[in-house]
Amino acid sequence: MGVINTVANIMGNSAFFGGITTYLNTYEFSVATSEELGTVLDGVFPGISAVMNSYILQEGFPLIIMNATVDSANDNNLLFAVEQRRFVKQGQRFYMNSSDGGHVCCTVMGCANVVA
């Protein structure tokens, strides 16, 4: 729903629902692609397919990692370190690039370093 909500918020409800109605009427009882949806919505709001494609065609999604440590100068303060990595699902395992050039392999059981 994230992509659809973003597109609807950019286009506005009237234009978005008008475009969706046209799309549904055009492709009822058939198969359609995201490119065809983009083409129909571009007819109502030019350029919106580029926004859609920026979400749909990119591989992976961002993984945000936050670490908190107690400030050694003042125990009442916490210091936060924020890191963003690319997170891509490949089969039943998930891989993230690690800083040492290898990969971190994560499954539902946890994560482990993998030699590249």
C-alpha atoms as a PDB file:
ATOM      1  CA  MET A   1       0.000   0.000   0.000  1.00  0.00           C
ATOM      2  CA  GLY A   2       2.956   2.363   0.472  1.00  0.00           C
ATOM      3  CA  VAL A   3       3.445   3.016  -3.243  1.00  0.00           C
ATOM      4  CA  ILE A   4      -0.265   3.445  -3.889  1.00  0.00           C
ATOM      5  CA  ASN A   5      -0.648   5.840  -0.942  1.00  0.00           C
ATOM      6  CA  THR A   6       2.334   7.885  -2.139  1.00  0.00           C
ATOM      7  CA  VAL A   7       0.965   8.090  -5.681  1.00  0.00           C
ATOM      8  CA  ALA A   8      -2.522   9.031  -4.418  1.00  0.00           C
ATOM      9  CA  ASN A   9      -1.081  11.719  -2.130  1.00  0.00           C
ATOM     10  CA  ILE A  10       0.928  13.250  -4.969  1.00  0.00           C
ATOM     11  CA  MET A  11      -1.900  13.129  -7.517  1.00  0.00           C
ATOM     12  CA  GLY A  12      -4.725  14.056  -5.157  1.00  0.00           C
ATOM     13  CA  ASN A  13      -7.759  11.850  -4.589  1.00  0.00           C
ATOM     14  CA  SER A  14      -9.843  13.124  -7.491  1.00  0.00           C
ATOM     15  CA  ALA A  15      -7.128  12.623 -10.129  1.00  0.00           C
ATOM     16  CA  PHE A  16      -5.980   9.319  -8.606  1.00  0.00           C
ATOM     17  CA  PHE A  17      -9.429   7.752  -8.432  1.00  0.00           C
ATOM     18  CA  GLY A  18     -10.252   9.044 -11.909  1.00  0.00           C
ATOM     19  CA  GLY A  19      -7.104   7.385 -13.236  1.00  0.00           C
ATOM     20  CA  ILE A  20      -7.793   4.147 -11.358  1.00  0.00           C
ATOM     21  CA  THR A  21     -11.344   4.088 -12.756  1.00  0.00           C
ATOM     22  CA  THR A  22      -9.984   4.508 -16.289  1.00  0.00           C
ATOM     23  CA  TYR A  23      -7.399   1.769 -15.642  1.00  0.00           C
ATOM     24  CA  LEU A  24     -10.007  -0.666 -14.304  1.00  0.00           C
ATOM     25  CA  ASN A  25     -12.395   0.042 -17.200  1.00  0.00           C
ATOM     26  CA  THR A  26      -9.598  -0.354 -19.752  1.00  0.00           C
ATOM     27  CA  TYR A  27      -8.213  -3.620 -18.386  1.00  0.00           C
ATOM     28  CA  GLU A  28     -11.300  -5.278 -16.890  1.00  0.00           C
ATOM     29  CA  PHE A  29     -11.318  -9.044 -17.420  1.00  0.00           C
ATOM     30  CA  SER A  30      -7.698  -9.003 -18.613  1.00  0.00           C
ATOM     31  CA  VAL A  31      -4.161  -8.897 -17.271  1.00  0.00           C
ATOM     32  CA  ALA A  32      -2.314  -5.610 -16.919  1.00  0.00           C
ATOM     33  CA  THR A  33       1.184  -4.622 -15.819  1.00  0.00           C
ATOM     34  CA  SER A  34       2.478  -1.870 -13.568  1.00  0.00           C
ATOM     35  CA  GLU A  35       3.769  -0.152 -16.731  1.00  0.00           C
ATOM     36  CA  GLU A  36       0.228  -0.048 -18.102  1.00  0.00           C
ATOM     37  CA  LEU A  37      -1.039   1.401 -14.825  1.00  0.00           C
ATOM     38  CA  GLY A  38       1.703   4.023 -15.043  1.00  0.00           C
ATOM     39  CA  THR A  39       0.728   4.904 -18.601  1.00  0.00           C
ATOM     40  CA  VAL A  40      -2.933   5.380 -17.647  1.00  0.00           C
ATOM     41  CA  LEU A  41      -2.065   7.457 -14.565  1.00  0.00           C
ATOM     42  CA  ASP A  42       0.411   9.544 -16.626  1.00  0.00           C
ATOM     43  CA  GLY A  43      -2.558  10.502 -18.810  1.00  0.00           C
ATOM     44  CA  VAL A  44      -4.179  12.059 -15.740  1.00  0.00           C
ATOM     45  CA  PHE A  45      -1.039  13.285 -13.946  1.00  0.00           C
ATOM     46  CA  PRO A  46       2.021  13.449 -16.248  1.00  0.00           C
ATOM     47  CA  GLY A  47       5.207  12.034 -14.727  1.00  0.00           C
ATOM     48  CA  ILE A  48       3.588   9.957 -11.978  1.00  0.00           C
ATOM     49  CA  SER A  49       4.854   6.700 -13.538  1.00  0.00           C
ATOM     50  CA  ALA A  50       8.426   7.848 -12.807  1.00  0.00           C
ATOM     51  CA  VAL A  51       7.495   8.089  -9.117  1.00  0.00           C
ATOM     52  CA  MET A  52       5.939   4.622  -9.237  1.00  0.00           C
ATOM     53  CA  ASN A  53       8.971   3.171 -10.999  1.00  0.00           C
ATOM     54  CA  SER A  54      11.341   4.631  -8.425  1.00  0.00           C
ATOM     55  CA  TYR A  55       9.652   2.343  -5.887  1.00  0.00           C
ATOM     56  CA  ILE A  56       8.795  -0.648  -8.056  1.00  0.00           C
ATOM     57  CA  LEU A  57      12.006  -1.110 -10.042  1.00  0.00           C
ATOM     58  CA  GLN A  58      14.631  -0.537  -7.353  1.00  0.00           C
ATOM     59  CA  GLU A  59      16.185  -3.625  -5.861  1.00  0.00           C
ATOM     60  CA  GLY A  60      15.927  -4.069  -2.116  1.00  0.00           C
ATOM     61  CA  PHE A  61      14.941  -1.518   0.457  1.00  0.00           C
ATOM     62  CA  PRO A  62      16.812   0.463   3.096  1.00  0.00           C
ATOM     63  CA  LEU A  63      17.690  -1.202   6.377  1.00  0.00           C
ATOM     64  CA  ILE A  64      18.147   1.293   9.193  1.00  0.00           C
ATOM     65  CA  ILE A  65      20.365   0.225  12.088  1.00  0.00           C
ATOM     66  CA  MET A  66      20.456   2.274  15.303  1.00  0.00           C
ATOM     67  CA  ASN A  67      22.897   1.689  18.123  1.00  0.00           C
ATOM     68  CA  ALA A  68      22.705   3.474  21.468  1.00  0.00           C
ATOM     69  CA  THR A  69      25.586   3.837  23.896  1.00  0.00           C
ATOM     70  CA  VAL A  70      25.899   5.671  27.189  1.00  0.00           C
ATOM     71  CA  ASP A  71      27.904   8.874  26.858  1.00  0.00           C
ATOM     72  CA  SER A  72      31.177   8.340  28.763  1.00  0.00           C
ATOM     73  CA  ALA A  73      31.309  12.060  29.639  1.00  0.00           C
ATOM     74  CA  ASN A  74      27.770  12.147  31.027  1.00  0.00           C
ATOM     75  CA  ASP A  75      25.974   8.990  32.135  1.00  0.00           C
ATOM     76  CA  ASN A  76      22.607  10.757  31.768  1.00  0.00           C
ATOM     77  CA  ASN A  77      23.032  11.033  27.983  1.00  0.00           C
ATOM     78  CA  LEU A  78      22.719   8.422  25.271  1.00  0.00           C
ATOM     79  CA  LEU A  79      24.648   8.647  22.019  1.00  0.00           C
ATOM     80  CA  PHE A  80      22.965   7.251  18.930  1.00  0.00           C
ATOM     81  CA  ALA A  81      24.701   5.993  15.791  1.00  0.00           C
ATOM     82  CA  VAL A  82      22.470   5.550  12.731  1.00  0.00           C
ATOM     83  CA  GLU A  83      23.518   3.485   9.724  1.00  0.00           C
ATOM     84  CA  GLN A  84      21.667   2.736   6.501  1.00  0.00           C
ATOM     85  CA  ARG A  85      22.379  -0.345   4.397  1.00  0.00           C
ATOM     86  CA  ARG A  86      20.833  -1.873   1.332  1.00  0.00           C
ATOM     87  CA  PHE A  87      18.692  -4.887   2.256  1.00  0.00           C
ATOM     88  CA  VAL A  88      17.901  -7.403  -0.484  1.00  0.00           C
ATOM     89  CA  LYS A  89      16.038 -10.688  -0.233  1.00  0.00           C
ATOM     90  CA  GLN A  90      17.597 -13.513  -2.211  1.00  0.00           C
ATOM     91  CA  GLY A  91      15.699 -16.751  -1.919  1.00  0.00           C
ATOM     92  CA  GLN A  92      15.147 -17.771   1.688  1.00  0.00           C
ATOM     93  CA  ARG A  93      18.116 -15.756   2.909  1.00  0.00           C
ATOM     94  CA  PHE A  94      18.662 -12.047   3.222  1.00  0.00           C
ATOM     95  CA  TYR A  95      21.978 -10.380   2.379  1.00  0.00           C
ATOM     96  CA  MET A  96      23.356  -7.022   3.361  1.00  0.00           C
ATOM     97  CA  ASN A  97      26.726  -5.594   2.336  1.00  0.00           C
ATOM     98  CA  SER A  98      29.032  -5.381   5.324  1.00  0.00           C
ATOM     99  CA  SER A  99      31.792  -2.848   5.850  1.00  0.00           C
ATOM    100  CA  ASP A 100      34.538  -5.504   5.468  1.00  0.00           C
ATOM    101  CA  GLY A 101      33.549  -6.331   1.892  1.00  0.00           C
ATOM    102  CA  GLY A 102      31.789  -9.554   2.828  1.00  0.00           C
ATOM    103  CA  HIS A 103      28.119 -10.070   3.430  1.00  0.00           C
ATOM    104  CA  VAL A 104      25.957 -10.566   6.448  1.00  0.00           C
ATOM    105  CA  CYS A 105      23.610 -13.487   5.918  1.00  0.00           C
ATOM    106  CA  CYS A 106      20.358 -13.267   7.863  1.00  0.00           C
ATOM    107  CA  THR A 107      17.631 -15.841   8.219  1.00  0.00           C
ATOM    108  CA  VAL A 108      14.755 -16.047  10.653  1.00  0.00           C
ATOM    109  CA  MET A 109      17.238 -17.648  13.073  1.00  0.00           C
ATOM    110  CA  GLY A 110      19.698 -14.716  13.111  1.00  0.00           C
ATOM    111  CA  CYS A 111      22.662 -13.275  11.206  1.00  0.00           C
ATOM    112  CA  ALA A 112      26.207 -14.452  10.473  1.00  0.00           C
ATOM    113  CA  ASN A 113      29.160 -13.051   8.496  1.00  0.00           C
ATOM    114  CA  VAL A 114      29.751 -14.753   5.161  1.00  0.00           C
ATOM    115  CA  VAL A 115      33.094 -14.677   3.342  1.00  0.00           C
ATOM    116  CA  ALA A 116      32.688 -13.114  -0.098  1.00  0.00           C
END
